[in-house]
Amino acid sequence: MANKLIESQAKSYLYDLNNCAHEYGFNKEEHWVFSLATENEKTAIVQKFYPTVLIQGTAVQLAELYKAVKDKYSEMNNFLVDDVTGSKSDKTNAVYLIAHNPKRLS
């Protein structure tokens, strides 16, 4: 049951990313970068990049969702997705899955 919930959340998150990309006129070369982020990392990303799409949850939920979103997004867009913020030890404190476009600064 948990797998179906994660898959559903991943599809919903990717749908939101696609809508946001269309709304802001992303071209084919632009892509999303995903990160698991703490509150401070989220604040820094949101201040630096626009638009951002985020979802909040527990570290365990977000780790599973992060993997599902990264895998599906990579399959759909032929992009290798890398985590760009925080250290490995910080991921146990992550409360957000956040996506941003590295080319779109605030």
C-alpha atoms as a PDB file:
ATOM      1  CA  MET A   1       0.000   0.000   0.000  1.00  0.00           C
ATOM      2  CA  ALA A   2       2.823   2.413   0.831  1.00  0.00           C
ATOM      3  CA  ASN A   3       4.327   1.848  -2.617  1.00  0.00           C
ATOM      4  CA  LYS A   4       1.089   2.887  -4.322  1.00  0.00           C
ATOM      5  CA  LEU A   5       0.895   6.006  -2.161  1.00  0.00           C
ATOM      6  CA  ILE A   6       4.487   6.973  -3.038  1.00  0.00           C
ATOM      7  CA  GLU A   7       3.812   6.349  -6.745  1.00  0.00           C
ATOM      8  CA  SER A   8       0.683   8.476  -6.578  1.00  0.00           C
ATOM      9  CA  GLN A   9       2.499  11.308  -4.789  1.00  0.00           C
ATOM     10  CA  ALA A  10       5.361  11.128  -7.300  1.00  0.00           C
ATOM     11  CA  LYS A  11       2.947  11.379 -10.231  1.00  0.00           C
ATOM     12  CA  SER A  12       1.175  14.313  -8.616  1.00  0.00           C
ATOM     13  CA  TYR A  13       4.476  16.104  -7.923  1.00  0.00           C
ATOM     14  CA  LEU A  14       5.664  15.537 -11.502  1.00  0.00           C
ATOM     15  CA  TYR A  15       2.315  16.854 -12.766  1.00  0.00           C
ATOM     16  CA  ASP A  16       2.842  20.025 -10.700  1.00  0.00           C
ATOM     17  CA  LEU A  17       6.389  20.359 -12.090  1.00  0.00           C
ATOM     18  CA  ASN A  18       5.123  20.005 -15.639  1.00  0.00           C
ATOM     19  CA  ASN A  19       2.410  22.612 -15.093  1.00  0.00           C
ATOM     20  CA  CYS A  20       4.889  25.028 -13.533  1.00  0.00           C
ATOM     21  CA  ALA A  21       7.358  24.506 -16.400  1.00  0.00           C
ATOM     22  CA  HIS A  22       4.624  25.298 -18.931  1.00  0.00           C
ATOM     23  CA  GLU A  23       3.413  28.306 -16.958  1.00  0.00           C
ATOM     24  CA  TYR A  24       6.926  29.792 -16.821  1.00  0.00           C
ATOM     25  CA  GLY A  25       7.837  28.936 -20.402  1.00  0.00           C
ATOM     26  CA  PHE A  26      10.660  26.455 -19.833  1.00  0.00           C
ATOM     27  CA  ASN A  27      12.372  25.461 -23.062  1.00  0.00           C
ATOM     28  CA  LYS A  28      13.540  21.920 -23.860  1.00  0.00           C
ATOM     29  CA  GLU A  29      17.040  22.544 -22.488  1.00  0.00           C
ATOM     30  CA  GLU A  30      15.769  23.687 -19.088  1.00  0.00           C
ATOM     31  CA  HIS A  31      15.219  21.116 -16.366  1.00  0.00           C
ATOM     32  CA  TRP A  32      14.457  20.706 -12.704  1.00  0.00           C
ATOM     33  CA  VAL A  33      17.036  19.903 -10.040  1.00  0.00           C
ATOM     34  CA  PHE A  34      15.727  18.012  -7.006  1.00  0.00           C
ATOM     35  CA  SER A  35      16.945  18.219  -3.437  1.00  0.00           C
ATOM     36  CA  LEU A  36      16.005  16.942  -0.053  1.00  0.00           C
ATOM     37  CA  ALA A  37      16.245  20.019   2.111  1.00  0.00           C
ATOM     38  CA  THR A  38      16.061  21.147   5.685  1.00  0.00           C
ATOM     39  CA  GLU A  39      14.174  24.315   6.593  1.00  0.00           C
ATOM     40  CA  ASN A  40      17.319  26.466   6.206  1.00  0.00           C
ATOM     41  CA  GLU A  41      18.254  24.890   2.854  1.00  0.00           C
ATOM     42  CA  LYS A  42      14.698  25.394   1.597  1.00  0.00           C
ATOM     43  CA  THR A  43      14.813  29.050   2.532  1.00  0.00           C
ATOM     44  CA  ALA A  44      18.120  29.522   0.708  1.00  0.00           C
ATOM     45  CA  ILE A  45      16.846  27.780  -2.448  1.00  0.00           C
ATOM     46  CA  VAL A  46      13.560  29.687  -2.508  1.00  0.00           C
ATOM     47  CA  GLN A  47      15.393  33.004  -2.099  1.00  0.00           C
ATOM     48  CA  LYS A  48      17.888  32.197  -4.859  1.00  0.00           C
ATOM     49  CA  PHE A  49      15.701  30.485  -7.505  1.00  0.00           C
ATOM     50  CA  TYR A  50      12.254  31.086  -8.973  1.00  0.00           C
ATOM     51  CA  PRO A  51      10.065  29.136  -9.535  1.00  0.00           C
ATOM     52  CA  THR A  52      10.411  26.351  -7.010  1.00  0.00           C
ATOM     53  CA  VAL A  53       8.046  23.458  -6.348  1.00  0.00           C
ATOM     54  CA  LEU A  54       8.162  21.810  -2.962  1.00  0.00           C
ATOM     55  CA  ILE A  55       6.462  19.227  -0.843  1.00  0.00           C
ATOM     56  CA  GLN A  56       6.800  18.753   2.899  1.00  0.00           C
ATOM     57  CA  GLY A  57       6.963  15.468   4.780  1.00  0.00           C
ATOM     58  CA  THR A  58       8.973  13.299   7.118  1.00  0.00           C
ATOM     59  CA  ALA A  59      12.529  12.312   6.247  1.00  0.00           C
ATOM     60  CA  VAL A  60      11.522   8.686   5.621  1.00  0.00           C
ATOM     61  CA  GLN A  61       8.571   9.604   3.375  1.00  0.00           C
ATOM     62  CA  LEU A  62      10.612  12.149   1.454  1.00  0.00           C
ATOM     63  CA  ALA A  63      13.505   9.742   0.874  1.00  0.00           C
ATOM     64  CA  GLU A  64      11.149   7.291  -0.852  1.00  0.00           C
ATOM     65  CA  LEU A  65       9.361  10.043  -2.747  1.00  0.00           C
ATOM     66  CA  TYR A  66      12.685  11.589  -3.783  1.00  0.00           C
ATOM     67  CA  LYS A  67      13.855   8.321  -5.303  1.00  0.00           C
ATOM     68  CA  ALA A  68      10.559   7.775  -7.140  1.00  0.00           C
ATOM     69  CA  VAL A  69      10.472  11.337  -8.508  1.00  0.00           C
ATOM     70  CA  LYS A  70      14.132  11.267  -9.590  1.00  0.00           C
ATOM     71  CA  ASP A  71      13.679   7.935 -11.372  1.00  0.00           C
ATOM     72  CA  LYS A  72      10.483   8.942 -13.167  1.00  0.00           C
ATOM     73  CA  TYR A  73      11.778  12.384 -14.104  1.00  0.00           C
ATOM     74  CA  SER A  74      15.026  10.947 -15.469  1.00  0.00           C
ATOM     75  CA  GLU A  75      13.091   8.427 -17.560  1.00  0.00           C
ATOM     76  CA  MET A  76      10.745  11.097 -18.950  1.00  0.00           C
ATOM     77  CA  ASN A  77      13.357  13.741 -19.724  1.00  0.00           C
ATOM     78  CA  ASN A  78      16.654  11.887 -20.233  1.00  0.00           C
ATOM     79  CA  PHE A  79      18.299  14.029 -17.556  1.00  0.00           C
ATOM     80  CA  LEU A  80      20.588  12.686 -14.897  1.00  0.00           C
ATOM     81  CA  VAL A  81      19.255  14.131 -11.666  1.00  0.00           C
ATOM     82  CA  ASP A  82      21.675  14.964  -8.866  1.00  0.00           C
ATOM     83  CA  ASP A  83      21.166  16.244  -5.369  1.00  0.00           C
ATOM     84  CA  VAL A  84      22.725  19.689  -5.036  1.00  0.00           C
ATOM     85  CA  THR A  85      22.202  20.814  -1.455  1.00  0.00           C
ATOM     86  CA  GLY A  86      23.217  19.637   1.958  1.00  0.00           C
ATOM     87  CA  SER A  87      25.453  16.879   3.151  1.00  0.00           C
ATOM     88  CA  LYS A  88      24.474  13.241   3.521  1.00  0.00           C
ATOM     89  CA  SER A  89      24.107  13.652   7.279  1.00  0.00           C
ATOM     90  CA  ASP A  90      21.600  16.483   6.770  1.00  0.00           C
ATOM     91  CA  LYS A  91      19.263  14.232   4.789  1.00  0.00           C
ATOM     92  CA  THR A  92      18.015  12.559   7.963  1.00  0.00           C
ATOM     93  CA  ASN A  93      16.693  16.002   8.964  1.00  0.00           C
ATOM     94  CA  ALA A  94      15.134  16.810   5.591  1.00  0.00           C
ATOM     95  CA  VAL A  95      11.571  18.043   5.708  1.00  0.00           C
ATOM     96  CA  TYR A  96      11.174  19.183   2.080  1.00  0.00           C
ATOM     97  CA  LEU A  97      11.545  17.787  -1.389  1.00  0.00           C
ATOM     98  CA  ILE A  98      12.207  20.849  -3.485  1.00  0.00           C
ATOM     99  CA  ALA A  99      12.714  21.331  -7.205  1.00  0.00           C
ATOM    100  CA  HIS A 100      14.219  24.368  -8.897  1.00  0.00           C
ATOM    101  CA  ASN A 101      15.701  25.319 -12.238  1.00  0.00           C
ATOM    102  CA  PRO A 102      19.370  26.249 -11.854  1.00  0.00           C
ATOM    103  CA  LYS A 103      19.138  28.736 -14.748  1.00  0.00           C
ATOM    104  CA  ARG A 104      16.264  30.724 -13.256  1.00  0.00           C
ATOM    105  CA  LEU A 105      17.445  33.011 -10.513  1.00  0.00           C
ATOM    106  CA  SER A 106      15.098  35.192  -8.464  1.00  0.00           C
END
